[in-house]
C-alpha atoms as a PDB file:
ATOM      1  CA  MET A   1    -160.958  98.299-161.094  1.00  0.00           C
ATOM      2  CA  LEU A   2    -163.752  97.032-163.642  1.00  0.00           C
ATOM      3  CA  PHE A   3    -163.079  94.939-166.206  1.00  0.00           C
ATOM      4  CA  THR A   4    -165.865  93.466-168.695  1.00  0.00           C
ATOM      5  CA  LEU A   5    -165.079  90.699-171.415  1.00  0.00           C
ATOM      6  CA  ARG A   6    -167.674  90.300-174.595  1.00  0.00           C
ATOM      7  CA  ARG A   7    -166.919  88.056-177.195  1.00  0.00           C
ATOM      8  CA  ALA A   8    -168.657  87.512-180.489  1.00  0.00           C
ATOM      9  CA  GLY A   9    -167.094  84.458-181.996  1.00  0.00           C
ATOM     10  CA  ASN A  10    -165.343  84.492-185.311  1.00  0.00           C
ATOM     11  CA  GLN A  11    -168.916  86.040-186.758  1.00  0.00           C
ATOM     12  CA  ALA A  12    -168.514  90.228-187.825  1.00  0.00           C
ATOM     13  CA  GLY A  13    -169.386  92.903-185.574  1.00  0.00           C
ATOM     14  CA  PRO A  14    -167.560  94.186-182.699  1.00  0.00           C
ATOM     15  CA  THR A  15    -166.231  92.360-179.774  1.00  0.00           C
ATOM     16  CA  THR A  16    -165.569  95.037-176.735  1.00  0.00           C
ATOM     17  CA  ARG A  17    -163.396  94.794-173.520  1.00  0.00           C
ATOM     18  CA  ALA A  18    -163.987  98.109-171.100  1.00  0.00           C
ATOM     19  CA  ARG A  19    -161.307  99.106-168.689  1.00  0.00           C
ATOM     20  CA  ALA A  20    -161.590 101.312-165.943  1.00  0.00           C
ATOM     21  CA  ARG A  21    -158.933 102.746-163.409  1.00  0.00           C
ATOM     22  CA  ARG A  22    -159.243 105.335-161.099  1.00  0.00           C
ATOM     23  CA  GLY A  23    -157.565 106.963-158.177  1.00  0.00           C
ATOM     24  CA  LEU A  24    -154.157 107.184-159.162  1.00  0.00           C
ATOM     25  CA  ALA A  25    -151.571 108.192-156.392  1.00  0.00           C
ATOM     26  CA  ARG A  26    -149.869 110.841-158.246  1.00  0.00           C
ATOM     27  CA  LYS A  27    -152.426 112.677-160.377  1.00  0.00           C
ATOM     28  CA  ALA A  28    -155.767 113.985-158.607  1.00  0.00           C
ATOM     29  CA  GLY A  29    -158.115 112.211-161.175  1.00  0.00           C
ATOM     30  CA  ALA A  30    -159.320 109.327-163.205  1.00  0.00           C
ATOM     31  CA  LEU A  31    -157.753 107.054-165.991  1.00  0.00           C
ATOM     32  CA  LEU A  32    -160.278 104.958-168.073  1.00  0.00           C
ATOM     33  CA  GLY A  33    -159.750 102.889-170.891  1.00  0.00           C
ATOM     34  CA  ALA A  34    -161.568 100.788-173.278  1.00  0.00           C
ATOM     35  CA  ALA A  35    -161.044  99.266-176.667  1.00  0.00           C
ATOM     36  CA  ILE A  36    -162.515  97.665-179.315  1.00  0.00           C
ATOM     37  CA  GLY A  37    -162.190  95.179-181.986  1.00  0.00           C
ATOM     38  CA  VAL A  38    -164.087  95.024-185.450  1.00  0.00           C
ATOM     39  CA  ALA A  39    -164.014  92.168-187.612  1.00  0.00           C
ATOM     40  CA  ALA A  40    -164.645  93.105-191.399  1.00  0.00           C
ATOM     41  CA  VAL A  41    -163.668  92.205-194.758  1.00  0.00           C
ATOM     42  CA  ILE A  42    -159.523  91.429-194.809  1.00  0.00           C
ATOM     43  CA  VAL A  43    -157.615  93.816-197.335  1.00  0.00           C
ATOM     44  CA  SER A  44    -154.142  93.465-197.374  1.00  0.00           C
ATOM     45  CA  GLY A  45    -152.295  96.355-195.221  1.00  0.00           C
ATOM     46  CA  GLY A  46    -149.244  98.857-195.678  1.00  0.00           C
ATOM     47  CA  THR A  47    -146.543  99.212-192.915  1.00  0.00           C
ATOM     48  CA  ALA A  48    -146.363 101.238-189.529  1.00  0.00           C
ATOM     49  CA  GLN A  49    -144.747 103.997-190.522  1.00  0.00           C
ATOM     50  CA  ALA A  50    -145.389 108.009-189.988  1.00  0.00           C
ATOM     51  CA  SER A  51    -148.753 108.649-190.475  1.00  0.00           C
ATOM     52  CA  THR A  52    -150.174 108.980-194.455  1.00  0.00           C
ATOM     53  CA  VAL A  53    -152.221 111.313-195.699  1.00  0.00           C
ATOM     54  CA  ALA A  54    -155.207 108.803-195.658  1.00  0.00           C
ATOM     55  CA  GLU A  55    -154.245 107.947-192.364  1.00  0.00           C
ATOM     56  CA  SER A  56    -154.412 111.500-191.152  1.00  0.00           C
ATOM     57  CA  THR A  57    -157.600 112.164-193.246  1.00  0.00           C
ATOM     58  CA  ALA A  58    -159.480 109.234-191.631  1.00  0.00           C
ATOM     59  CA  ALA A  59    -158.445 110.401-188.170  1.00  0.00           C
ATOM     60  CA  ARG A  60    -159.629 114.131-189.043  1.00  0.00           C
ATOM     61  CA  SER A  61    -163.063 112.017-190.132  1.00  0.00           C
ATOM     62  CA  VAL A  62    -163.123 109.741-186.738  1.00  0.00           C
ATOM     63  CA  LEU A  63    -162.876 113.415-184.981  1.00  0.00           C
ATOM     64  CA  SER A  64    -165.651 114.930-187.304  1.00  0.00           C
ATOM     65  CA  LEU A  65    -167.756 111.802-186.471  1.00  0.00           C
ATOM     66  CA  LEU A  66    -166.897 112.071-182.659  1.00  0.00           C
ATOM     67  CA  ASN A  67    -167.740 115.966-182.138  1.00  0.00           C
ATOM     68  CA  SER A  68    -171.082 115.380-184.299  1.00  0.00           C
ATOM     69  CA  GLU A  69    -171.799 112.849-181.547  1.00  0.00           C
ATOM     70  CA  ARG A  70    -170.914 114.667-178.578  1.00  0.00           C
ATOM     71  CA  ALA A  71    -173.032 117.688-180.743  1.00  0.00           C
ATOM     72  CA  ALA A  72    -176.410 115.961-180.438  1.00  0.00           C
ATOM     73  CA  HIS A  73    -176.156 115.282-176.369  1.00  0.00           C
ATOM     74  CA  TYR A  74    -175.686 119.123-175.918  1.00  0.00           C
ATOM     75  CA  LEU A  75    -171.914 118.693-175.350  1.00  0.00           C
ATOM     76  CA  PRO A  76    -169.132 120.938-176.555  1.00  0.00           C
ATOM     77  CA  ALA A  77    -166.640 119.685-179.389  1.00  0.00           C
ATOM     78  CA  LEU A  78    -162.971 118.419-177.951  1.00  0.00           C
ATOM     79  CA  GLY A  79    -160.498 120.637-179.939  1.00  0.00           C
ATOM     80  CA  TRP A  80    -157.732 118.502-181.572  1.00  0.00           C
ATOM     81  CA  SER A  81    -154.379 118.147-179.482  1.00  0.00           C
ATOM     82  CA  PRO A  82    -150.711 117.021-181.429  1.00  0.00           C
ATOM     83  CA  ALA A  83    -149.502 116.003-178.172  1.00  0.00           C
ATOM     84  CA  LEU A  84    -152.158 113.486-178.075  1.00  0.00           C
ATOM     85  CA  VAL A  85    -151.690 112.982-180.794  1.00  0.00           C
ATOM     86  CA  THR A  86    -148.009 111.812-180.496  1.00  0.00           C
ATOM     87  CA  SER A  87    -149.156 109.358-177.555  1.00  0.00           C
ATOM     88  CA  ALA A  88    -151.538 107.655-179.737  1.00  0.00           C
ATOM     89  CA  HIS A  89    -149.947 107.411-182.744  1.00  0.00           C
ATOM     90  CA  ALA A  90    -147.155 105.604-180.802  1.00  0.00           C
ATOM     91  CA  HIS A  91    -149.375 103.384-178.643  1.00  0.00           C
ATOM     92  CA  ASN A  92    -150.890 102.378-182.585  1.00  0.00           C
ATOM     93  CA  LEU A  93    -147.311 101.390-183.578  1.00  0.00           C
ATOM     94  CA  ARG A  94    -147.039  99.180-180.565  1.00  0.00           C
ATOM     95  CA  MET A  95    -150.106  97.617-180.962  1.00  0.00           C
ATOM     96  CA  ALA A  96    -149.779  97.173-184.926  1.00  0.00           C
ATOM     97  CA  SER A  97    -145.869  95.692-184.394  1.00  0.00           C
ATOM     98  CA  SER A  98    -147.339  93.130-182.256  1.00  0.00           C
ATOM     99  CA  ASN A  99    -150.532  92.814-183.921  1.00  0.00           C
ATOM    100  CA  LEU A 100    -152.404  93.020-180.256  1.00  0.00           C
ATOM    101  CA  LEU A 101    -155.066  94.952-178.725  1.00  0.00           C
ATOM    102  CA  SER A 102    -154.178  96.533-175.460  1.00  0.00           C
ATOM    103  CA  HIS A 103    -154.027  99.429-173.464  1.00  0.00           C
ATOM    104  CA  GLN A 104    -150.345  98.643-172.264  1.00  0.00           C
ATOM    105  CA  LEU A 105    -148.441  96.352-173.966  1.00  0.00           C
ATOM    106  CA  ALA A 106    -144.921  94.730-172.898  1.00  0.00           C
ATOM    107  CA  GLY A 107    -142.296  97.323-171.871  1.00  0.00           C
ATOM    108  CA  GLU A 108    -144.801 100.055-172.805  1.00  0.00           C
ATOM    109  CA  ALA A 109    -145.608 102.984-170.171  1.00  0.00           C
ATOM    110  CA  SER A 110    -148.762 103.317-168.931  1.00  0.00           C
ATOM    111  CA  LEU A 111    -151.300 105.674-170.797  1.00  0.00           C
ATOM    112  CA  GLY A 112    -151.177 108.274-168.184  1.00  0.00           C
ATOM    113  CA  ASP A 113    -147.455 107.988-168.139  1.00  0.00           C
ATOM    114  CA  ARG A 114    -147.586 108.156-172.270  1.00  0.00           C
ATOM    115  CA  VAL A 115    -149.747 111.652-172.148  1.00  0.00           C
ATOM    116  CA  SER A 116    -147.634 113.416-169.552  1.00  0.00           C
ATOM    117  CA  ALA A 117    -144.504 112.405-171.734  1.00  0.00           C
ATOM    118  CA  ALA A 118    -146.183 114.000-174.580  1.00  0.00           C
ATOM    119  CA  GLY A 119    -145.921 117.519-172.851  1.00  0.00           C
ATOM    120  CA  VAL A 120    -150.421 116.899-171.641  1.00  0.00           C
ATOM    121  CA  PRO A 121    -150.720 118.368-167.513  1.00  0.00           C
ATOM    122  CA  TRP A 122    -153.428 116.232-167.295  1.00  0.00           C
ATOM    123  CA  HIS A 123    -155.537 115.343-164.680  1.00  0.00           C
ATOM    124  CA  PHE A 124    -158.150 113.205-166.377  1.00  0.00           C
ATOM    125  CA  ALA A 125    -157.420 111.125-169.222  1.00  0.00           C
ATOM    126  CA  ALA A 126    -159.026 108.201-171.396  1.00  0.00           C
ATOM    127  CA  GLU A 127    -158.492 106.306-174.281  1.00  0.00           C
ATOM    128  CA  ASN A 128    -159.981 103.882-176.836  1.00  0.00           C
ATOM    129  CA  ILE A 129    -158.421 101.522-178.959  1.00  0.00           C
ATOM    130  CA  GLY A 130    -159.655  99.628-181.659  1.00  0.00           C
ATOM    131  CA  TRP A 131    -158.527  97.441-185.222  1.00  0.00           C
ATOM    132  CA  THR A 132    -160.699  96.689-188.163  1.00  0.00           C
ATOM    133  CA  THR A 133    -159.289  95.249-191.314  1.00  0.00           C
ATOM    134  CA  ASN A 134    -162.142  97.405-193.437  1.00  0.00           C
ATOM    135  CA  LEU A 135    -158.464  99.839-194.728  1.00  0.00           C
ATOM    136  CA  ALA A 136    -161.309 102.785-196.161  1.00  0.00           C
ATOM    137  CA  ILE A 137    -162.522 105.504-194.136  1.00  0.00           C
ATOM    138  CA  SER A 138    -165.408 103.984-193.604  1.00  0.00           C
ATOM    139  CA  GLY A 139    -163.441 101.127-191.302  1.00  0.00           C
ATOM    140  CA  ALA A 140    -162.539 104.473-189.216  1.00  0.00           C
ATOM    141  CA  THR A 141    -165.647 105.965-188.723  1.00  0.00           C
ATOM    142  CA  GLY A 142    -167.309 102.558-188.537  1.00  0.00           C
ATOM    143  CA  MET A 143    -165.497 101.980-185.727  1.00  0.00           C
ATOM    144  CA  GLN A 144    -165.912 104.887-183.729  1.00  0.00           C
ATOM    145  CA  THR A 145    -169.683 104.478-184.411  1.00  0.00           C
ATOM    146  CA  ALA A 146    -169.809 100.956-182.737  1.00  0.00           C
ATOM    147  CA  MET A 147    -168.368 102.348-179.857  1.00  0.00           C
ATOM    148  CA  TYR A 148    -170.332 105.491-179.674  1.00  0.00           C
ATOM    149  CA  ASN A 149    -173.797 102.737-180.427  1.00  0.00           C
ATOM    150  CA  GLU A 150    -172.616 100.661-177.092  1.00  0.00           C
ATOM    151  CA  ALA A 151    -175.219 100.014-174.267  1.00  0.00           C
ATOM    152  CA  PRO A 152    -174.724  99.053-170.713  1.00  0.00           C
ATOM    153  CA  PRO A 153    -173.042  97.550-168.899  1.00  0.00           C
ATOM    154  CA  ASN A 154    -170.259  97.528-171.834  1.00  0.00           C
ATOM    155  CA  ASP A 155    -170.546 100.947-173.071  1.00  0.00           C
ATOM    156  CA  GLY A 156    -167.026 102.218-171.709  1.00  0.00           C
ATOM    157  CA  HIS A 157    -166.264 104.054-174.896  1.00  0.00           C
ATOM    158  CA  ARG A 158    -169.347 105.246-175.060  1.00  0.00           C
ATOM    159  CA  LEU A 159    -168.800 107.042-172.249  1.00  0.00           C
ATOM    160  CA  ASN A 160    -165.546 108.124-172.761  1.00  0.00           C
ATOM    161  CA  ILE A 161    -166.783 109.671-176.117  1.00  0.00           C
ATOM    162  CA  LEU A 162    -169.458 111.610-174.382  1.00  0.00           C
ATOM    163  CA  SER A 163    -167.155 112.628-171.001  1.00  0.00           C
ATOM    164  CA  GLY A 164    -168.050 116.038-169.821  1.00  0.00           C
ATOM    165  CA  SER A 165    -164.496 115.314-168.128  1.00  0.00           C
ATOM    166  CA  VAL A 166    -162.577 116.150-171.145  1.00  0.00           C
ATOM    167  CA  HIS A 167    -162.076 118.856-173.446  1.00  0.00           C
ATOM    168  CA  TYR A 168    -159.192 117.627-175.877  1.00  0.00           C
ATOM    169  CA  VAL A 169    -158.398 114.306-178.156  1.00  0.00           C
ATOM    170  CA  GLY A 170    -155.772 113.066-180.132  1.00  0.00           C
ATOM    171  CA  ILE A 171    -156.615 110.524-182.979  1.00  0.00           C
ATOM    172  CA  ASP A 172    -154.199 108.537-184.826  1.00  0.00           C
ATOM    173  CA  ILE A 173    -155.126 105.665-187.299  1.00  0.00           C
ATOM    174  CA  LEU A 174    -152.611 103.789-188.516  1.00  0.00           C
ATOM    175  CA  ILE A 175    -152.325 100.848-191.372  1.00  0.00           C
ATOM    176  CA  GLY A 176    -150.465  98.160-190.122  1.00  0.00           C
ATOM    177  CA  PRO A 177    -148.420  95.557-191.995  1.00  0.00           C
ATOM    178  CA  ASP A 178    -151.133  92.588-191.048  1.00  0.00           C
ATOM    179  CA  GLY A 179    -153.651  93.992-192.970  1.00  0.00           C
ATOM    180  CA  LYS A 180    -155.279  95.989-189.980  1.00  0.00           C
ATOM    181  CA  GLN A 181    -156.190  99.878-190.023  1.00  0.00           C
ATOM    182  CA  TRP A 182    -155.461 100.534-185.827  1.00  0.00           C
ATOM    183  CA  LEU A 183    -157.321 103.532-184.085  1.00  0.00           C
ATOM    184  CA  THR A 184    -156.328 105.119-181.189  1.00  0.00           C
ATOM    185  CA  ALA A 185    -157.729 107.924-179.797  1.00  0.00           C
ATOM    186  CA  ASP A 186    -156.469 109.600-176.517  1.00  0.00           C
ATOM    187  CA  PHE A 187    -158.477 112.076-174.819  1.00  0.00           C
ATOM    188  CA  ALA A 188    -157.534 114.742-171.827  1.00  0.00           C
ATOM    189  CA  ASP A 189    -159.129 117.464-169.789  1.00  0.00           C
ATOM    190  CA  ALA A 190    -155.679 119.663-171.123  1.00  0.00           C
ATOM    191  CA  GLY A 191    -154.298 119.838-174.118  1.00  0.00           C
ATOM    192  CA  GLY A 192    -150.993 120.487-173.654  1.00  0.00           C
ATOM    193  CA  SER A 193    -148.582 123.152-173.077  1.00  0.00           C
ATOM    194  CA  THR A 194    -147.025 124.112-176.543  1.00  0.00           C
ATOM    195  CA  CYS A 195    -148.563 125.327-180.161  1.00  0.00           C
ATOM    196  CA  SER A 196    -147.040 123.292-183.048  1.00  0.00           C
ATOM    197  CA  ASP A 197    -147.496 125.366-185.650  1.00  0.00           C
ATOM    198  CA  PRO A 198    -144.414 127.465-186.578  1.00  0.00           C
ATOM    199  CA  LEU A 199    -145.958 131.199-185.730  1.00  0.00           C
ATOM    200  CA  CYS A 200    -149.313 130.652-183.177  1.00  0.00           C
ATOM    201  CA  ALA A 201    -151.289 133.297-182.064  1.00  0.00           C
ATOM    202  CA  THR A 202    -151.219 134.185-178.673  1.00  0.00           C
ATOM    203  CA  SER A 203    -154.534 135.715-176.709  1.00  0.00           C
ATOM    204  CA  ALA A 204    -154.776 137.013-173.151  1.00  0.00           C
ATOM    205  CA  TYR A 205    -157.702 137.475-171.432  1.00  0.00           C
ATOM    206  CA  ILE A 206    -158.308 139.419-167.755  1.00  0.00           C
ATOM    207  CA  ALA A 207    -160.501 139.457-164.690  1.00  0.00           C
ATOM    208  CA  SER A 208    -160.678 141.332-161.616  1.00  0.00           C
ATOM    209  CA  SER A 209    -162.488 142.205-158.631  1.00  0.00           C
ATOM    210  CA  ARG A 210    -162.031 144.247-155.275  1.00  0.00           C
ATOM    211  CA  ALA A 211    -162.837 143.482-151.891  1.00  0.00           C
ATOM    212  CA  GLY A 212    -162.276 146.566-149.850  1.00  0.00           C
ATOM    213  CA  GLN A 213    -158.250 147.039-150.417  1.00  0.00           C
ATOM    214  CA  ALA A 214    -157.748 143.898-151.480  1.00  0.00           C
ATOM    215  CA  VAL A 215    -157.714 143.495-155.499  1.00  0.00           C
ATOM    216  CA  TYR A 216    -157.663 140.181-157.444  1.00  0.00           C
ATOM    217  CA  ILE A 217    -156.476 139.703-160.845  1.00  0.00           C
ATOM    218  CA  ASN A 218    -157.403 137.146-162.853  1.00  0.00           C
ATOM    219  CA  GLY A 219    -155.590 136.075-166.369  1.00  0.00           C
ATOM    220  CA  LEU A 220    -156.299 132.977-168.953  1.00  0.00           C
ATOM    221  CA  ILE A 221    -153.433 132.898-171.805  1.00  0.00           C
ATOM    222  CA  LYS A 222    -154.469 130.817-174.842  1.00  0.00           C
ATOM    223  CA  LEU A 223    -152.705 129.841-177.682  1.00  0.00           C
ATOM    224  CA  SER A 224    -153.887 129.129-181.553  1.00  0.00           C
ATOM    225  CA  GLY A 225    -152.400 127.544-184.569  1.00  0.00           C
ATOM    226  CA  PRO A 226    -153.699 128.557-187.969  1.00  0.00           C
ATOM    227  CA  THR A 227    -152.468 125.485-189.665  1.00  0.00           C
ATOM    228  CA  THR A 228    -153.895 122.798-186.898  1.00  0.00           C
ATOM    229  CA  GLY A 229    -156.138 124.319-185.520  1.00  0.00           C
ATOM    230  CA  LEU A 230    -155.466 123.942-182.161  1.00  0.00           C
ATOM    231  CA  MET A 231    -156.308 125.803-178.933  1.00  0.00           C
ATOM    232  CA  VAL A 232    -153.781 125.221-176.144  1.00  0.00           C
ATOM    233  CA  ARG A 233    -153.356 127.176-172.624  1.00  0.00           C
ATOM    234  CA  PRO A 234    -149.681 127.309-172.109  1.00  0.00           C
ATOM    235  CA  SER A 235    -147.873 126.039-169.119  1.00  0.00           C
ATOM    236  CA  GLY A 236    -145.329 128.388-167.801  1.00  0.00           C
ATOM    237  CA  ARG A 237    -145.708 131.172-169.876  1.00  0.00           C
ATOM    238  CA  ALA A 238    -144.239 134.677-168.650  1.00  0.00           C
ATOM    239  CA  VAL A 239    -146.907 137.427-168.351  1.00  0.00           C
ATOM    240  CA  TYR A 240    -146.996 140.453-167.057  1.00  0.00           C
ATOM    241  CA  LEU A 241    -149.166 142.174-164.715  1.00  0.00           C
ATOM    242  CA  GLN A 242    -149.099 146.588-165.246  1.00  0.00           C
ATOM    243  CA  ARG A 243    -150.536 149.176-164.466  1.00  0.00           C
ATOM    244  CA  TYR A 244    -151.304 153.205-166.124  1.00  0.00           C
ATOM    245  CA  LEU A 245    -149.799 155.319-164.088  1.00  0.00           C
ATOM    246  CA  ASN A 246    -148.369 159.300-165.135  1.00  0.00           C
ATOM    247  CA  GLY A 247    -149.556 158.152-168.724  1.00  0.00           C
ATOM    248  CA  GLY A 248    -148.097 155.282-169.303  1.00  0.00           C
ATOM    249  CA  TRP A 249    -148.068 151.581-168.814  1.00  0.00           C
ATOM    250  CA  GLN A 250    -145.358 150.010-165.994  1.00  0.00           C
ATOM    251  CA  THR A 251    -145.226 146.875-165.000  1.00  0.00           C
ATOM    252  CA  MET A 252    -145.694 145.538-161.553  1.00  0.00           C
ATOM    253  CA  LEU A 253    -144.892 141.801-161.651  1.00  0.00           C
ATOM    254  CA  LEU A 254    -144.057 138.596-163.318  1.00  0.00           C
ATOM    255  CA  ARG A 255    -145.829 135.416-162.867  1.00  0.00           C
ATOM    256  CA  THR A 256    -145.967 132.435-164.622  1.00  0.00           C
ATOM    257  CA  THR A 257    -149.133 130.323-165.821  1.00  0.00           C
ATOM    258  CA  ASP A 258    -150.330 127.203-164.588  1.00  0.00           C
ATOM    259  CA  ALA A 259    -150.583 123.869-166.161  1.00  0.00           C
ATOM    260  CA  TYR A 260    -154.106 125.224-167.703  1.00  0.00           C
ATOM    261  CA  GLY A 261    -153.017 128.746-168.741  1.00  0.00           C
ATOM    262  CA  ARG A 262    -154.201 130.838-165.524  1.00  0.00           C
ATOM    263  CA  LEU A 263    -152.866 132.599-163.431  1.00  0.00           C
ATOM    264  CA  ALA A 264    -154.298 134.894-160.286  1.00  0.00           C
ATOM    265  CA  VAL A 265    -152.602 137.477-158.056  1.00  0.00           C
ATOM    266  CA  GLY A 266    -153.819 139.562-154.870  1.00  0.00           C
ATOM    267  CA  PHE A 267    -152.282 142.464-153.465  1.00  0.00           C
ATOM    268  CA  ILE A 268    -153.102 145.401-151.400  1.00  0.00           C
ATOM    269  CA  GLN A 269    -154.032 149.078-152.981  1.00  0.00           C
ATOM    270  CA  THR A 270    -156.052 151.777-151.683  1.00  0.00           C
ATOM    271  CA  ARG A 271    -156.755 153.570-155.229  1.00  0.00           C
ATOM    272  CA  VAL A 272    -158.304 153.047-158.235  1.00  0.00           C
ATOM    273  CA  PHE A 273    -156.128 151.702-161.211  1.00  0.00           C
ATOM    274  CA  GLN A 274    -156.398 150.353-164.719  1.00  0.00           C
ATOM    275  CA  TYR A 275    -154.888 147.373-165.224  1.00  0.00           C
ATOM    276  CA  ARG A 276    -153.642 144.718-168.339  1.00  0.00           C
ATOM    277  CA  LEU A 277    -151.584 141.724-169.006  1.00  0.00           C
ATOM    278  CA  VAL A 278    -149.259 141.507-171.240  1.00  0.00           C
ATOM    279  CA  VAL A 279    -147.358 138.636-172.993  1.00  0.00           C
ATOM    280  CA  PRO A 280    -143.996 138.661-174.394  1.00  0.00           C
ATOM    281  CA  ALA A 281    -143.077 136.984-177.817  1.00  0.00           C
ATOM    282  CA  THR A 282    -140.770 133.805-177.906  1.00  0.00           C
ATOM    283  CA  THR A 283    -139.500 132.321-180.587  1.00  0.00           C
ATOM    284  CA  ASN A 284    -142.823 130.971-182.318  1.00  0.00           C
ATOM    285  CA  THR A 285    -145.317 132.646-180.395  1.00  0.00           C
ATOM    286  CA  THR A 286    -146.871 136.285-180.802  1.00  0.00           C
ATOM    287  CA  PRO A 287    -146.774 139.173-178.329  1.00  0.00           C
ATOM    288  CA  ALA A 288    -150.347 140.143-176.735  1.00  0.00           C
ATOM    289  CA  ALA A 289    -152.115 142.308-174.088  1.00  0.00           C
ATOM    290  CA  SER A 290    -154.855 141.692-172.713  1.00  0.00           C
ATOM    291  CA  ALA A 291    -157.951 144.103-172.309  1.00  0.00           C
ATOM    292  CA  SER A 292    -157.774 146.860-169.806  1.00  0.00           C
ATOM    293  CA  THR A 293    -159.729 146.666-166.221  1.00  0.00           C
ATOM    294  CA  PHE A 294    -160.562 149.110-163.945  1.00  0.00           C
ATOM    295  CA  ARG A 295    -159.636 148.617-160.024  1.00  0.00           C
END
């Protein structure tokens, strides 16, 4: 357990608390948390309701800034996850209602349980939280900049921002009834297993290898939402392995994807065949077929 606290008194500027927990018994990975509070000019606030256009715009501005910070360190951009936004928004509502900056308020589930409840099959999750009385977009981006500019040993937020273990983020901005702008950014190595768009495009990828008579097929399925721009790897998605025989494609077997949209099969086959993966449509996703491979 790591816990550090630094206070800046009543002066304007960051007050930072960093917290880390590792080795969760029910997950093979780590759970990191960090918090920041930024004092600024007090402006009258709104109410803690569902995200407004202004709040959503501020969240997207923070995402853009965060990914530019990662790019400066040659790190890939994080994908936007509506599932993680759900977790972050629920936490913001609790903090604003209690007027308390904390990763877990009374009666609230832990970060890992919140992210799981949102439908994210995570193995690594992290969270940055903060508030400011500057209710403009500059207040939200200012919190993000303050977190990024941290220096060791009090750099828990910066470590989360520049983590190579996370691939998705959900950022929620909430203007609370207390005249504060609250920020929660939930990070994870998975973005969720569902696409929230009315119709999501499915993509299927295949790779194969052979060792003697053994054939190995690996697949990856992705969903992309044209409205949200989200790319997710769906878990539990049905995928058919087919081979080309006697002038047509014939289904060999059915598999479902794991938590990261992957599948792997192996079998004995003395002859060389052409293989492909086929993903049937669902109520809000298109069908897909991968390229073919010979083994």
